[in-house]
Amino acid sequence: MNRSINNIICVLHNTIMFAICFSLYALTKGNDYISKLKYLIQITFYVLMLYVYSLNGQNLINKDENIYRSITAISWYDKPQWFKKCLLLMITRANKKIEVKPYGLYVVNLRNFSKVMNAAYSYFNLISNITKNRN
């Protein structure tokens, strides 16, 4: 799954981050209320889109942890040998974490959502300071 969506998520991630950054910049530089409202709606849409796919990645991680806890809580002492082997196989498989990790660079979850928002705001501050120094 990770290999098939690497490009999509990386491009979407960076595009949303820069779109938020430039929309924030345009929001602060806009003169009339219509353009400010337009950029505010754009920012809201971008943040919501980023939040939704970050939340889905977090839900995938949470469900994986719940499955692991459920498997390890099964009583196996008085079970037949075939059951113990199957349980061992499930525990071995459950030890490998399921997470969306494009190119192995980052995990798509809610923590990453906050990092992207911080990065967008940092780039916005950088652009604002550069334009202030030019004027």
Protein backbone atom coordinates (compact mmCIF):
# COMPACT_ATOMS: atom_id res chain seq x y z
CA MET A 1 0.00 0.00 0.00
CA ASN A 2 2.78 2.43 0.90
CA ARG A 3 4.54 1.97 -2.44
CA SER A 4 1.43 2.71 -4.45
CA ILE A 5 0.61 6.00 -2.71
CA ASN A 6 4.09 7.43 -2.06
CA ASN A 7 3.95 10.01 -4.85
CA ILE A 8 0.35 10.99 -4.24
CA ILE A 9 0.76 11.68 -0.54
CA CYS A 10 4.11 13.47 -0.85
CA VAL A 11 2.84 15.75 -3.60
CA LEU A 12 -0.44 16.37 -1.78
CA HIS A 13 1.36 17.07 1.47
CA ASN A 14 3.74 19.62 0.00
CA THR A 15 1.09 21.21 -2.19
CA ILE A 16 -1.25 21.71 0.76
CA MET A 17 1.55 23.12 2.91
CA PHE A 18 2.59 25.69 0.31
CA ALA A 19 -1.03 26.50 -0.57
CA ILE A 20 -1.75 27.25 3.10
CA CYS A 21 1.40 29.35 3.29
CA PHE A 22 0.62 31.44 0.23
CA SER A 23 -3.06 31.75 1.12
CA LEU A 24 -2.05 33.09 4.54
CA TYR A 25 0.27 35.56 2.87
CA ALA A 26 -2.43 36.67 0.42
CA LEU A 27 -4.91 36.93 3.30
CA THR A 28 -2.65 39.35 5.14
CA LYS A 29 -1.89 41.40 2.01
CA GLY A 30 -5.48 41.57 0.73
CA ASN A 31 -7.21 44.94 0.85
CA ASP A 32 -10.87 44.19 0.35
CA TYR A 33 -13.10 41.87 2.34
CA ILE A 34 -14.06 39.70 -0.63
CA SER A 35 -10.49 38.65 -1.35
CA LYS A 36 -9.81 38.09 2.37
CA LEU A 37 -12.92 35.91 2.60
CA LYS A 38 -11.83 33.99 -0.50
CA TYR A 39 -8.42 33.21 0.98
CA LEU A 40 -9.92 32.34 4.35
CA ILE A 41 -12.22 29.81 2.68
CA GLN A 42 -9.25 28.38 0.77
CA ILE A 43 -7.23 27.99 3.96
CA THR A 44 -10.18 26.30 5.67
CA PHE A 45 -10.55 23.87 2.76
CA TYR A 46 -6.83 23.03 2.70
CA VAL A 47 -6.66 22.51 6.46
CA LEU A 48 -9.77 20.34 6.39
CA MET A 49 -8.39 18.23 3.54
CA LEU A 50 -5.08 17.75 5.35
CA TYR A 51 -6.89 16.94 8.59
CA VAL A 52 -9.12 14.31 6.98
CA TYR A 53 -6.35 12.25 5.49
CA SER A 54 -4.19 12.68 8.62
CA LEU A 55 -7.13 11.49 10.73
CA ASN A 56 -7.56 8.45 8.49
CA GLY A 57 -3.89 7.58 8.92
CA GLN A 58 -4.25 7.97 12.71
CA ASN A 59 -7.36 5.76 12.71
CA LEU A 60 -5.43 3.06 10.86
CA ILE A 61 -2.69 3.18 13.52
CA ASN A 62 -5.23 3.11 16.35
CA LYS A 63 -7.08 0.12 14.91
CA ASP A 64 -3.79 -1.74 14.45
CA GLU A 65 -2.97 -1.16 18.13
CA ASN A 66 -6.44 -2.34 19.18
CA ILE A 67 -6.02 -5.54 17.17
CA TYR A 68 -2.63 -6.18 18.77
CA ARG A 69 -4.04 -5.67 22.28
CA SER A 70 -6.97 -7.96 21.52
CA ILE A 71 -4.74 -10.73 20.20
CA THR A 72 -2.36 -10.55 23.14
CA ALA A 73 -5.24 -10.64 25.61
CA ILE A 74 -6.50 -14.03 24.35
CA SER A 75 -6.22 -16.87 26.85
CA TRP A 76 -4.10 -19.59 25.25
CA TYR A 77 -3.02 -21.85 28.12
CA ASP A 78 -5.72 -24.49 27.83
CA LYS A 79 -6.15 -24.33 24.03
CA PRO A 80 -5.14 -26.99 21.48
CA GLN A 81 -1.80 -26.88 19.70
CA TRP A 82 -3.25 -25.70 16.36
CA PHE A 83 -4.80 -22.69 18.15
CA LYS A 84 -1.49 -21.81 19.81
CA LYS A 85 0.29 -21.93 16.44
CA CYS A 86 -2.33 -19.72 14.82
CA LEU A 87 -2.15 -17.30 17.73
CA LEU A 88 1.64 -17.17 17.49
CA LEU A 89 1.35 -16.42 13.78
CA MET A 90 -1.15 -13.60 14.45
CA ILE A 91 1.04 -12.10 17.19
CA THR A 92 4.08 -12.25 14.92
CA ARG A 93 2.17 -10.48 12.15
CA ALA A 94 0.68 -7.94 14.55
CA ASN A 95 4.18 -6.92 15.72
CA LYS A 96 4.72 -5.17 12.38
CA LYS A 97 3.04 -1.79 12.70
CA ILE A 98 0.55 -0.77 10.04
CA GLU A 99 1.00 2.85 9.12
CA VAL A 100 1.00 5.02 6.03
CA LYS A 101 4.62 6.13 5.62
CA PRO A 102 5.38 7.67 2.22
CA TYR A 103 8.98 6.99 1.19
CA GLY A 104 9.70 6.22 4.85
CA LEU A 105 10.04 9.95 5.53
CA TYR A 106 7.12 10.52 7.88
CA VAL A 107 4.01 8.81 9.20
CA VAL A 108 0.64 10.19 8.15
CA ASN A 109 -1.09 10.85 11.47
CA LEU A 110 -2.36 13.72 13.58
CA ARG A 111 1.12 14.57 14.89
CA ASN A 112 2.23 15.01 11.31
CA PHE A 113 -0.79 17.26 10.71
CA SER A 114 0.46 19.64 13.39
CA LYS A 115 3.98 19.54 11.94
CA VAL A 116 2.70 20.46 8.48
CA MET A 117 0.66 23.32 9.93
CA ASN A 118 3.72 24.58 11.82
CA ALA A 119 5.84 24.34 8.67
CA ALA A 120 3.25 26.27 6.65
CA TYR A 121 3.17 29.00 9.26
CA SER A 122 6.98 29.10 9.40
CA TYR A 123 7.19 29.51 5.62
CA PHE A 124 4.53 32.22 5.84
CA ASN A 125 6.63 34.09 8.44
CA LEU A 126 9.71 33.70 6.25
CA ILE A 127 7.94 35.15 3.21
CA SER A 128 6.47 37.98 5.29
CA ASN A 129 9.86 38.91 6.72
CA ILE A 130 11.53 38.81 3.32
CA THR A 131 8.91 41.12 1.80
CA LYS A 132 9.10 43.49 4.80
CA ASN A 133 12.85 43.79 4.43
CA ARG A 134 12.54 44.61 0.72
CA ASN A 135 10.17 47.48 1.38
